[in-house]
Amino acid sequence: MRSEEENSIKLIKGYLRVLLLNFYKFFSKDCVLNSDGRRLLNDIAREVAKCEPYLMELVRKVRREPTLENILKLARKFLSDEEISELVDLGIYGPVSSYRYVAHEKR
């Protein structure tokens, strides 16, 4: 039973990473999940129900209002703030954003 929970948590973390890394694929311009993002959220909800049922109220809230802000509330239950920040930056700005920022500052 314990290995099933660990596997579910790994899946949740993986799904959240995919969701945040692919911001433009899963979110609309107003930072709300699109249909592909909602499908991924349903996969997350299924795994949360298996291993962390006490979080289902939060999952229901995220399903009702699938905004980036609410997705981040759920992500904070499974990922560190540092990792979330890095994933969102990579998802929105791409892998070279910090390089561009530093190069721009030096001018």
PDB file of N, CA and C in Angstrom:
ATOM      1  N   MET A   1       0.826  -1.194   0.000  1.00  0.00           N
ATOM      2  CA  MET A   1       0.000   0.000   0.000  1.00  0.00           C
ATOM      3  C   MET A   1       0.868   1.255   0.000  1.00  0.00           C
ATOM      4  N   ARG A   2       1.930   1.228   0.752  1.00  0.00           N
ATOM      5  CA  ARG A   2       2.805   2.400   0.850  1.00  0.00           C
ATOM      6  C   ARG A   2       3.434   2.736  -0.493  1.00  0.00           C
ATOM      7  N   SER A   3       3.825   1.729  -1.244  1.00  0.00           N
ATOM      8  CA  SER A   3       4.450   1.987  -2.540  1.00  0.00           C
ATOM      9  C   SER A   3       3.447   2.599  -3.522  1.00  0.00           C
ATOM     10  N   GLU A   4       2.156   2.248  -3.400  1.00  0.00           N
ATOM     11  CA  GLU A   4       1.131   2.860  -4.248  1.00  0.00           C
ATOM     12  C   GLU A   4       1.016   4.353  -3.959  1.00  0.00           C
ATOM     13  N   GLU A   5       1.062   4.718  -2.679  1.00  0.00           N
ATOM     14  CA  GLU A   5       0.991   6.134  -2.307  1.00  0.00           C
ATOM     15  C   GLU A   5       2.211   6.887  -2.821  1.00  0.00           C
ATOM     16  N   GLU A   6       3.379   6.295  -2.661  1.00  0.00           N
ATOM     17  CA  GLU A   6       4.602   6.935  -3.154  1.00  0.00           C
ATOM     18  C   GLU A   6       4.547   7.102  -4.665  1.00  0.00           C
ATOM     19  N   ASN A   7       4.036   6.100  -5.353  1.00  0.00           N
ATOM     20  CA  ASN A   7       3.906   6.172  -6.804  1.00  0.00           C
ATOM     21  C   ASN A   7       2.925   7.279  -7.204  1.00  0.00           C
ATOM     22  N   SER A   8       1.810   7.382  -6.475  1.00  0.00           N
ATOM     23  CA  SER A   8       0.833   8.434  -6.763  1.00  0.00           C
ATOM     24  C   SER A   8       1.430   9.816  -6.545  1.00  0.00           C
ATOM     25  N   ILE A   9       2.205   9.978  -5.484  1.00  0.00           N
ATOM     26  CA  ILE A   9       2.828  11.276  -5.212  1.00  0.00           C
ATOM     27  C   ILE A   9       3.825  11.623  -6.310  1.00  0.00           C
ATOM     28  N   LYS A  10       4.590  10.632  -6.766  1.00  0.00           N
ATOM     29  CA  LYS A  10       5.521  10.876  -7.879  1.00  0.00           C
ATOM     30  C   LYS A  10       4.767  11.304  -9.135  1.00  0.00           C
ATOM     31  N   LEU A  11       3.642  10.647  -9.400  1.00  0.00           N
ATOM     32  CA  LEU A  11       2.831  11.009 -10.564  1.00  0.00           C
ATOM     33  C   LEU A  11       2.289  12.431 -10.436  1.00  0.00           C
ATOM     34  N   ILE A  12       1.795  12.781  -9.255  1.00  0.00           N
ATOM     35  CA  ILE A  12       1.264  14.131  -9.032  1.00  0.00           C
ATOM     36  C   ILE A  12       2.350  15.167  -9.273  1.00  0.00           C
ATOM     37  N   LYS A  13       3.517  14.932  -8.699  1.00  0.00           N
ATOM     38  CA  LYS A  13       4.627  15.876  -8.893  1.00  0.00           C
ATOM     39  C   LYS A  13       4.987  15.998 -10.369  1.00  0.00           C
ATOM     40  N   GLY A  14       5.026  14.877 -11.060  1.00  0.00           N
ATOM     41  CA  GLY A  14       5.339  14.897 -12.489  1.00  0.00           C
ATOM     42  C   GLY A  14       4.294  15.654 -13.289  1.00  0.00           C
ATOM     43  N   TYR A  15       3.017  15.397 -12.998  1.00  0.00           N
ATOM     44  CA  TYR A  15       1.941  16.109 -13.695  1.00  0.00           C
ATOM     45  C   TYR A  15       2.018  17.611 -13.432  1.00  0.00           C
ATOM     46  N   LEU A  16       2.273  17.992 -12.188  1.00  0.00           N
ATOM     47  CA  LEU A  16       2.370  19.419 -11.858  1.00  0.00           C
ATOM     48  C   LEU A  16       3.549  20.066 -12.572  1.00  0.00           C
ATOM     49  N   ARG A  17       4.659  19.351 -12.638  1.00  0.00           N
ATOM     50  CA  ARG A  17       5.829  19.891 -13.350  1.00  0.00           C
ATOM     51  C   ARG A  17       5.513  20.098 -14.830  1.00  0.00           C
ATOM     52  N   VAL A  18       4.861  19.124 -15.439  1.00  0.00           N
ATOM     53  CA  VAL A  18       4.486  19.245 -16.855  1.00  0.00           C
ATOM     54  C   VAL A  18       3.551  20.433 -17.047  1.00  0.00           C
ATOM     55  N   LEU A  19       2.581  20.572 -16.172  1.00  0.00           N
ATOM     56  CA  LEU A  19       1.605  21.656 -16.264  1.00  0.00           C
ATOM     57  C   LEU A  19       2.275  23.022 -16.177  1.00  0.00           C
ATOM     58  N   LEU A  20       3.192  23.180 -15.225  1.00  0.00           N
ATOM     59  CA  LEU A  20       3.835  24.481 -15.024  1.00  0.00           C
ATOM     60  C   LEU A  20       4.916  24.761 -16.063  1.00  0.00           C
ATOM     61  N   LEU A  21       5.595  23.740 -16.518  1.00  0.00           N
ATOM     62  CA  LEU A  21       6.646  23.937 -17.524  1.00  0.00           C
ATOM     63  C   LEU A  21       6.085  24.275 -18.904  1.00  0.00           C
ATOM     64  N   ASN A  22       4.888  23.835 -19.176  1.00  0.00           N
ATOM     65  CA  ASN A  22       4.266  24.054 -20.484  1.00  0.00           C
ATOM     66  C   ASN A  22       3.122  25.050 -20.363  1.00  0.00           C
ATOM     67  N   PHE A  23       3.432  26.191 -19.801  1.00  0.00           N
ATOM     68  CA  PHE A  23       2.424  27.210 -19.509  1.00  0.00           C
ATOM     69  C   PHE A  23       1.589  27.550 -20.739  1.00  0.00           C
ATOM     70  N   TYR A  24       2.225  27.832 -21.853  1.00  0.00           N
ATOM     71  CA  TYR A  24       1.492  28.275 -23.040  1.00  0.00           C
ATOM     72  C   TYR A  24       0.682  27.161 -23.693  1.00  0.00           C
ATOM     73  N   LYS A  25       1.012  25.929 -23.388  1.00  0.00           N
ATOM     74  CA  LYS A  25       0.254  24.804 -23.936  1.00  0.00           C
ATOM     75  C   LYS A  25      -1.013  24.542 -23.119  1.00  0.00           C
ATOM     76  N   PHE A  26      -0.952  24.751 -21.808  1.00  0.00           N
ATOM     77  CA  PHE A  26      -2.055  24.362 -20.934  1.00  0.00           C
ATOM     78  C   PHE A  26      -2.876  25.523 -20.373  1.00  0.00           C
ATOM     79  N   PHE A  27      -2.422  26.757 -20.547  1.00  0.00           N
ATOM     80  CA  PHE A  27      -3.147  27.906 -20.011  1.00  0.00           C
ATOM     81  C   PHE A  27      -3.549  28.844 -21.138  1.00  0.00           C
ATOM     82  N   SER A  28      -4.681  29.513 -20.948  1.00  0.00           N
ATOM     83  CA  SER A  28      -5.109  30.525 -21.911  1.00  0.00           C
ATOM     84  C   SER A  28      -4.420  31.849 -21.576  1.00  0.00           C
ATOM     85  N   LYS A  29      -4.710  32.874 -22.373  1.00  0.00           N
ATOM     86  CA  LYS A  29      -4.066  34.173 -22.170  1.00  0.00           C
ATOM     87  C   LYS A  29      -4.419  34.803 -20.826  1.00  0.00           C
ATOM     88  N   ASP A  30      -5.582  34.469 -20.283  1.00  0.00           N
ATOM     89  CA  ASP A  30      -5.974  35.033 -18.992  1.00  0.00           C
ATOM     90  C   ASP A  30      -5.611  34.113 -17.820  1.00  0.00           C
ATOM     91  N   CYS A  31      -4.636  33.242 -18.028  1.00  0.00           N
ATOM     92  CA  CYS A  31      -4.069  32.365 -16.981  1.00  0.00           C
ATOM     93  C   CYS A  31      -5.091  31.393 -16.384  1.00  0.00           C
ATOM     94  N   VAL A  32      -5.946  30.853 -17.232  1.00  0.00           N
ATOM     95  CA  VAL A  32      -6.910  29.833 -16.833  1.00  0.00           C
ATOM     96  C   VAL A  32      -6.613  28.581 -17.654  1.00  0.00           C
ATOM     97  N   LEU A  33      -6.750  27.413 -17.030  1.00  0.00           N
ATOM     98  CA  LEU A  33      -6.474  26.162 -17.745  1.00  0.00           C
ATOM     99  C   LEU A  33      -7.379  26.010 -18.961  1.00  0.00           C
ATOM    100  N   ASN A  34      -6.803  25.570 -20.065  1.00  0.00           N
ATOM    101  CA  ASN A  34      -7.602  25.243 -21.246  1.00  0.00           C
ATOM    102  C   ASN A  34      -8.038  23.780 -21.148  1.00  0.00           C
ATOM    103  N   SER A  35      -8.640  23.255 -22.199  1.00  0.00           N
ATOM    104  CA  SER A  35      -9.175  21.888 -22.133  1.00  0.00           C
ATOM    105  C   SER A  35      -8.075  20.843 -21.922  1.00  0.00           C
ATOM    106  N   ASP A  36      -6.915  21.029 -22.543  1.00  0.00           N
ATOM    107  CA  ASP A  36      -5.811  20.085 -22.321  1.00  0.00           C
ATOM    108  C   ASP A  36      -5.322  20.154 -20.878  1.00  0.00           C
ATOM    109  N   GLY A  37      -5.243  21.352 -20.343  1.00  0.00           N
ATOM    110  CA  GLY A  37      -4.832  21.525 -18.954  1.00  0.00           C
ATOM    111  C   GLY A  37      -5.825  20.912 -17.985  1.00  0.00           C
ATOM    112  N   ARG A  38      -7.104  21.022 -18.312  1.00  0.00           N
ATOM    113  CA  ARG A  38      -8.134  20.423 -17.451  1.00  0.00           C
ATOM    114  C   ARG A  38      -8.040  18.897 -17.454  1.00  0.00           C
ATOM    115  N   ARG A  39      -7.690  18.324 -18.592  1.00  0.00           N
ATOM    116  CA  ARG A  39      -7.500  16.866 -18.635  1.00  0.00           C
ATOM    117  C   ARG A  39      -6.363  16.445 -17.708  1.00  0.00           C
ATOM    118  N   LEU A  40      -5.290  17.210 -17.742  1.00  0.00           N
ATOM    119  CA  LEU A  40      -4.160  16.916 -16.862  1.00  0.00           C
ATOM    120  C   LEU A  40      -4.558  17.123 -15.399  1.00  0.00           C
ATOM    121  N   LEU A  41      -5.345  18.157 -15.127  1.00  0.00           N
ATOM    122  CA  LEU A  41      -5.838  18.393 -13.767  1.00  0.00           C
ATOM    123  C   LEU A  41      -6.698  17.221 -13.301  1.00  0.00           C
ATOM    124  N   ASN A  42      -7.487  16.636 -14.179  1.00  0.00           N
ATOM    125  CA  ASN A  42      -8.286  15.460 -13.809  1.00  0.00           C
ATOM    126  C   ASN A  42      -7.394  14.282 -13.432  1.00  0.00           C
ATOM    127  N   ASP A  43      -6.283  14.114 -14.129  1.00  0.00           N
ATOM    128  CA  ASP A  43      -5.324  13.066 -13.766  1.00  0.00           C
ATOM    129  C   ASP A  43      -4.728  13.340 -12.387  1.00  0.00           C
ATOM    130  N   ILE A  44      -4.407  14.602 -12.129  1.00  0.00           N
ATOM    131  CA  ILE A  44      -3.876  14.988 -10.816  1.00  0.00           C
ATOM    132  C   ILE A  44      -4.912  14.690  -9.743  1.00  0.00           C
ATOM    133  N   ALA A  45      -6.166  15.061  -9.990  1.00  0.00           N
ATOM    134  CA  ALA A  45      -7.236  14.849  -9.009  1.00  0.00           C
ATOM    135  C   ALA A  45      -7.406  13.367  -8.687  1.00  0.00           C
ATOM    136  N   ARG A  46      -7.326  12.528  -9.697  1.00  0.00           N
ATOM    137  CA  ARG A  46      -7.467  11.083  -9.483  1.00  0.00           C
ATOM    138  C   ARG A  46      -6.373  10.564  -8.553  1.00  0.00           C
ATOM    139  N   GLU A  47      -5.147  11.015  -8.780  1.00  0.00           N
ATOM    140  CA  GLU A  47      -4.031  10.564  -7.945  1.00  0.00           C
ATOM    141  C   GLU A  47      -4.117  11.148  -6.533  1.00  0.00           C
ATOM    142  N   VAL A  48      -4.550  12.396  -6.411  1.00  0.00           N
ATOM    143  CA  VAL A  48      -4.709  13.006  -5.082  1.00  0.00           C
ATOM    144  C   VAL A  48      -5.753  12.228  -4.286  1.00  0.00           C
ATOM    145  N   ALA A  49      -6.836  11.837  -4.922  1.00  0.00           N
ATOM    146  CA  ALA A  49      -7.878  11.067  -4.235  1.00  0.00           C
ATOM    147  C   ALA A  49      -7.336   9.746  -3.695  1.00  0.00           C
ATOM    148  N   LYS A  50      -6.378   9.158  -4.398  1.00  0.00           N
ATOM    149  CA  LYS A  50      -5.794   7.887  -3.958  1.00  0.00           C
ATOM    150  C   LYS A  50      -4.894   8.049  -2.740  1.00  0.00           C
ATOM    151  N   CYS A  51      -4.050   9.097  -2.744  1.00  0.00           N
ATOM    152  CA  CYS A  51      -3.004   9.153  -1.721  1.00  0.00           C
ATOM    153  C   CYS A  51      -3.196  10.263  -0.683  1.00  0.00           C
ATOM    154  N   GLU A  52      -3.879  11.340  -1.028  1.00  0.00           N
ATOM    155  CA  GLU A  52      -4.054  12.469  -0.105  1.00  0.00           C
ATOM    156  C   GLU A  52      -5.514  12.932  -0.125  1.00  0.00           C
ATOM    157  N   PRO A  53      -6.448  12.104   0.331  1.00  0.00           N
ATOM    158  CA  PRO A  53      -7.871  12.458   0.207  1.00  0.00           C
ATOM    159  C   PRO A  53      -8.264  13.732   0.957  1.00  0.00           C
ATOM    160  N   TYR A  54      -7.514  14.115   1.976  1.00  0.00           N
ATOM    161  CA  TYR A  54      -7.835  15.338   2.712  1.00  0.00           C
ATOM    162  C   TYR A  54      -7.632  16.595   1.867  1.00  0.00           C
ATOM    163  N   LEU A  55      -6.950  16.481   0.740  1.00  0.00           N
ATOM    164  CA  LEU A  55      -6.733  17.624  -0.157  1.00  0.00           C
ATOM    165  C   LEU A  55      -7.819  17.746  -1.231  1.00  0.00           C
ATOM    166  N   MET A  56      -8.816  16.882  -1.196  1.00  0.00           N
ATOM    167  CA  MET A  56      -9.833  16.904  -2.250  1.00  0.00           C
ATOM    168  C   MET A  56     -10.661  18.185  -2.247  1.00  0.00           C
ATOM    169  N   GLU A  57     -10.831  18.810  -1.104  1.00  0.00           N
ATOM    170  CA  GLU A  57     -11.555  20.094  -1.081  1.00  0.00           C
ATOM    171  C   GLU A  57     -10.793  21.140  -1.892  1.00  0.00           C
ATOM    172  N   LEU A  58      -9.481  21.179  -1.731  1.00  0.00           N
ATOM    173  CA  LEU A  58      -8.655  22.092  -2.521  1.00  0.00           C
ATOM    174  C   LEU A  58      -8.735  21.735  -4.006  1.00  0.00           C
ATOM    175  N   VAL A  59      -8.714  20.455  -4.319  1.00  0.00           N
ATOM    176  CA  VAL A  59      -8.813  20.015  -5.712  1.00  0.00           C
ATOM    177  C   VAL A  59     -10.153  20.454  -6.305  1.00  0.00           C
ATOM    178  N   ARG A  60     -11.227  20.334  -5.532  1.00  0.00           N
ATOM    179  CA  ARG A  60     -12.537  20.782  -6.023  1.00  0.00           C
ATOM    180  C   ARG A  60     -12.534  22.279  -6.310  1.00  0.00           C
ATOM    181  N   LYS A  61     -11.886  23.043  -5.445  1.00  0.00           N
ATOM    182  CA  LYS A  61     -11.795  24.490  -5.661  1.00  0.00           C
ATOM    183  C   LYS A  61     -11.013  24.790  -6.945  1.00  0.00           C
ATOM    184  N   VAL A  62      -9.914  24.072  -7.139  1.00  0.00           N
ATOM    185  CA  VAL A  62      -9.099  24.277  -8.338  1.00  0.00           C
ATOM    186  C   VAL A  62      -9.895  23.891  -9.585  1.00  0.00           C
ATOM    187  N   ARG A  63     -10.678  22.835  -9.503  1.00  0.00           N
ATOM    188  CA  ARG A  63     -11.497  22.432 -10.652  1.00  0.00           C
ATOM    189  C   ARG A  63     -12.569  23.475 -10.971  1.00  0.00           C
ATOM    190  N   ARG A  64     -13.154  24.076  -9.937  1.00  0.00           N
ATOM    191  CA  ARG A  64     -14.167  25.117 -10.160  1.00  0.00           C
ATOM    192  C   ARG A  64     -13.567  26.363 -10.782  1.00  0.00           C
ATOM    193  N   GLU A  65     -12.396  26.760 -10.274  1.00  0.00           N
ATOM    194  CA  GLU A  65     -11.696  27.945 -10.775  1.00  0.00           C
ATOM    195  C   GLU A  65     -10.255  27.553 -11.111  1.00  0.00           C
ATOM    196  N   PRO A  66     -10.022  27.035 -12.302  1.00  0.00           N
ATOM    197  CA  PRO A  66      -8.684  26.526 -12.650  1.00  0.00           C
ATOM    198  C   PRO A  66      -7.713  27.627 -13.095  1.00  0.00           C
ATOM    199  N   THR A  67      -7.498  28.591 -12.216  1.00  0.00           N
ATOM    200  CA  THR A  67      -6.572  29.685 -12.513  1.00  0.00           C
ATOM    201  C   THR A  67      -5.156  29.284 -12.119  1.00  0.00           C
ATOM    202  N   LEU A  68      -4.187  30.014 -12.629  1.00  0.00           N
ATOM    203  CA  LEU A  68      -2.793  29.750 -12.264  1.00  0.00           C
ATOM    204  C   LEU A  68      -2.616  29.869 -10.755  1.00  0.00           C
ATOM    205  N   GLU A  69      -3.243  30.862 -10.161  1.00  0.00           N
ATOM    206  CA  GLU A  69      -3.127  31.063  -8.711  1.00  0.00           C
ATOM    207  C   GLU A  69      -3.596  29.829  -7.939  1.00  0.00           C
ATOM    208  N   ASN A  70      -4.727  29.264  -8.323  1.00  0.00           N
ATOM    209  CA  ASN A  70      -5.235  28.078  -7.633  1.00  0.00           C
ATOM    210  C   ASN A  70      -4.390  26.841  -7.921  1.00  0.00           C
ATOM    211  N   ILE A  71      -3.881  26.724  -9.133  1.00  0.00           N
ATOM    212  CA  ILE A  71      -2.975  25.615  -9.457  1.00  0.00           C
ATOM    213  C   ILE A  71      -1.733  25.695  -8.571  1.00  0.00           C
ATOM    214  N   LEU A  72      -1.228  26.909  -8.359  1.00  0.00           N
ATOM    215  CA  LEU A  72      -0.041  27.077  -7.517  1.00  0.00           C
ATOM    216  C   LEU A  72      -0.331  26.705  -6.069  1.00  0.00           C
ATOM    217  N   LYS A  73      -1.539  26.968  -5.583  1.00  0.00           N
ATOM    218  CA  LYS A  73      -1.910  26.556  -4.223  1.00  0.00           C
ATOM    219  C   LYS A  73      -1.818  25.041  -4.083  1.00  0.00           C
ATOM    220  N   LEU A  74      -2.293  24.339  -5.096  1.00  0.00           N
ATOM    221  CA  LEU A  74      -2.208  22.875  -5.081  1.00  0.00           C
ATOM    222  C   LEU A  74      -0.760  22.420  -5.214  1.00  0.00           C
ATOM    223  N   ALA A  75      -0.013  23.058  -6.084  1.00  0.00           N
ATOM    224  CA  ALA A  75       1.384  22.674  -6.306  1.00  0.00           C
ATOM    225  C   ALA A  75       2.212  22.831  -5.033  1.00  0.00           C
ATOM    226  N   ARG A  76       1.901  23.839  -4.216  1.00  0.00           N
ATOM    227  CA  ARG A  76       2.657  24.063  -2.969  1.00  0.00           C
ATOM    228  C   ARG A  76       2.514  22.906  -1.982  1.00  0.00           C
ATOM    229  N   LYS A  77       1.496  22.093  -2.140  1.00  0.00           N
ATOM    230  CA  LYS A  77       1.316  20.925  -1.268  1.00  0.00           C
ATOM    231  C   LYS A  77       2.279  19.790  -1.631  1.00  0.00           C
ATOM    232  N   PHE A  78       2.840  19.841  -2.844  1.00  0.00           N
ATOM    233  CA  PHE A  78       3.682  18.741  -3.317  1.00  0.00           C
ATOM    234  C   PHE A  78       5.087  19.162  -3.728  1.00  0.00           C
ATOM    235  N   LEU A  79       5.272  20.423  -4.106  1.00  0.00           N
ATOM    236  CA  LEU A  79       6.565  20.906  -4.585  1.00  0.00           C
ATOM    237  C   LEU A  79       7.041  22.060  -3.709  1.00  0.00           C
ATOM    238  N   SER A  80       8.347  22.261  -3.658  1.00  0.00           N
ATOM    239  CA  SER A  80       8.893  23.376  -2.878  1.00  0.00           C
ATOM    240  C   SER A  80       8.625  24.696  -3.603  1.00  0.00           C
ATOM    241  N   ASP A  81       8.607  25.784  -2.849  1.00  0.00           N
ATOM    242  CA  ASP A  81       8.396  27.112  -3.439  1.00  0.00           C
ATOM    243  C   ASP A  81       9.474  27.433  -4.463  1.00  0.00           C
ATOM    244  N   GLU A  82      10.697  27.033  -4.167  1.00  0.00           N
ATOM    245  CA  GLU A  82      11.809  27.281  -5.087  1.00  0.00           C
ATOM    246  C   GLU A  82      11.597  26.551  -6.416  1.00  0.00           C
ATOM    247  N   GLU A  83      11.194  25.300  -6.336  1.00  0.00           N
ATOM    248  CA  GLU A  83      10.961  24.531  -7.558  1.00  0.00           C
ATOM    249  C   GLU A  83       9.788  25.104  -8.353  1.00  0.00           C
ATOM    250  N   ILE A  84       8.729  25.498  -7.660  1.00  0.00           N
ATOM    251  CA  ILE A  84       7.573  26.091  -8.336  1.00  0.00           C
ATOM    252  C   ILE A  84       7.979  27.362  -9.060  1.00  0.00           C
ATOM    253  N   SER A  85       8.734  28.211  -8.382  1.00  0.00           N
ATOM    254  CA  SER A  85       9.181  29.465  -8.988  1.00  0.00           C
ATOM    255  C   SER A  85      10.010  29.202 -10.241  1.00  0.00           C
ATOM    256  N   GLU A  86      10.902  28.245 -10.144  1.00  0.00           N
ATOM    257  CA  GLU A  86      11.750  27.898 -11.287  1.00  0.00           C
ATOM    258  C   GLU A  86      10.922  27.343 -12.446  1.00  0.00           C
ATOM    259  N   LEU A  87       9.962  26.469 -12.140  1.00  0.00           N
ATOM    260  CA  LEU A  87       9.123  25.881 -13.183  1.00  0.00           C
ATOM    261  C   LEU A  87       8.271  26.937 -13.885  1.00  0.00           C
ATOM    262  N   VAL A  88       7.692  27.848 -13.104  1.00  0.00           N
ATOM    263  CA  VAL A  88       6.858  28.900 -13.696  1.00  0.00           C
ATOM    264  C   VAL A  88       7.704  29.817 -14.566  1.00  0.00           C
ATOM    265  N   ASP A  89       8.882  30.191 -14.072  1.00  0.00           N
ATOM    266  CA  ASP A  89       9.777  31.038 -14.878  1.00  0.00           C
ATOM    267  C   ASP A  89      10.157  30.350 -16.184  1.00  0.00           C
ATOM    268  N   LEU A  90      10.512  29.076 -16.103  1.00  0.00           N
ATOM    269  CA  LEU A  90      10.866  28.332 -17.315  1.00  0.00           C
ATOM    270  C   LEU A  90       9.669  28.188 -18.249  1.00  0.00           C
ATOM    271  N   GLY A  91       8.501  27.958 -17.668  1.00  0.00           N
ATOM    272  CA  GLY A  91       7.299  27.787 -18.476  1.00  0.00           C
ATOM    273  C   GLY A  91       6.872  29.049 -19.193  1.00  0.00           C
ATOM    274  N   ILE A  92       7.029  30.185 -18.535  1.00  0.00           N
ATOM    275  CA  ILE A  92       6.581  31.450 -19.120  1.00  0.00           C
ATOM    276  C   ILE A  92       7.666  32.093 -19.968  1.00  0.00           C
ATOM    277  N   TYR A  93       8.873  32.160 -19.441  1.00  0.00           N
ATOM    278  CA  TYR A  93       9.928  32.917 -20.110  1.00  0.00           C
ATOM    279  C   TYR A  93      10.903  32.067 -20.911  1.00  0.00           C
ATOM    280  N   GLY A  94      10.916  30.768 -20.671  1.00  0.00           N
ATOM    281  CA  GLY A  94      11.839  29.896 -21.387  1.00  0.00           C
ATOM    282  C   GLY A  94      13.153  29.735 -20.648  1.00  0.00           C
ATOM    283  N   PRO A  95      14.024  28.857 -21.128  1.00  0.00           N
ATOM    284  CA  PRO A  95      15.247  28.505 -20.407  1.00  0.00           C
ATOM    285  C   PRO A  95      16.324  29.582 -20.404  1.00  0.00           C
ATOM    286  N   VAL A  96      16.246  30.566 -21.273  1.00  0.00           N
ATOM    287  CA  VAL A  96      17.318  31.563 -21.333  1.00  0.00           C
ATOM    288  C   VAL A  96      16.893  32.911 -20.768  1.00  0.00           C
ATOM    289  N   SER A  97      15.784  32.975 -20.061  1.00  0.00           N
ATOM    290  CA  SER A  97      15.297  34.258 -19.562  1.00  0.00           C
ATOM    291  C   SER A  97      16.275  34.894 -18.592  1.00  0.00           C
ATOM    292  N   SER A  98      16.867  34.097 -17.702  1.00  0.00           N
ATOM    293  CA  SER A  98      17.802  34.672 -16.735  1.00  0.00           C
ATOM    294  C   SER A  98      19.050  35.173 -17.442  1.00  0.00           C
ATOM    295  N   TYR A  99      19.477  34.475 -18.506  1.00  0.00           N
ATOM    296  CA  TYR A  99      20.632  34.920 -19.271  1.00  0.00           C
ATOM    297  C   TYR A  99      20.324  36.252 -19.946  1.00  0.00           C
ATOM    298  N   ARG A 100      19.150  36.361 -20.555  1.00  0.00           N
ATOM    299  CA  ARG A 100      18.766  37.606 -21.223  1.00  0.00           C
ATOM    300  C   ARG A 100      18.698  38.748 -20.221  1.00  0.00           C
ATOM    301  N   TYR A 101      18.178  38.461 -19.047  1.00  0.00           N
ATOM    302  CA  TYR A 101      18.040  39.488 -18.022  1.00  0.00           C
ATOM    303  C   TYR A 101      19.413  39.988 -17.586  1.00  0.00           C
ATOM    304  N   VAL A 102      20.341  39.079 -17.328  1.00  0.00           N
ATOM    305  CA  VAL A 102      21.691  39.449 -16.899  1.00  0.00           C
ATOM    306  C   VAL A 102      22.410  40.192 -18.017  1.00  0.00           C
ATOM    307  N   ALA A 103      22.299  39.708 -19.246  1.00  0.00           N
ATOM    308  CA  ALA A 103      22.958  40.363 -20.373  1.00  0.00           C
ATOM    309  C   ALA A 103      22.398  41.766 -20.584  1.00  0.00           C
ATOM    310  N   HIS A 104      21.108  41.942 -20.369  1.00  0.00           N
ATOM    311  CA  HIS A 104      20.480  43.247 -20.548  1.00  0.00           C
ATOM    312  C   HIS A 104      20.937  44.223 -19.462  1.00  0.00           C
ATOM    313  N   GLU A 105      21.121  43.735 -18.244  1.00  0.00           N
ATOM    314  CA  GLU A 105      21.561  44.592 -17.135  1.00  0.00           C
ATOM    315  C   GLU A 105      22.962  45.136 -17.355  1.00  0.00           C
ATOM    316  N   LYS A 106      23.836  44.377 -17.990  1.00  0.00           N
ATOM    317  CA  LYS A 106      25.240  44.765 -18.138  1.00  0.00           C
ATOM    318  C   LYS A 106      25.439  45.888 -19.146  1.00  0.00           C
ATOM    319  N   ARG A 107      24.465  46.163 -19.981  1.00  0.00           N
ATOM    320  CA  ARG A 107      24.615  47.208 -21.005  1.00  0.00           C
ATOM    321  C   ARG A 107      24.671  48.577 -20.432  1.00  0.00           C
TER     322      ARG A 107
END
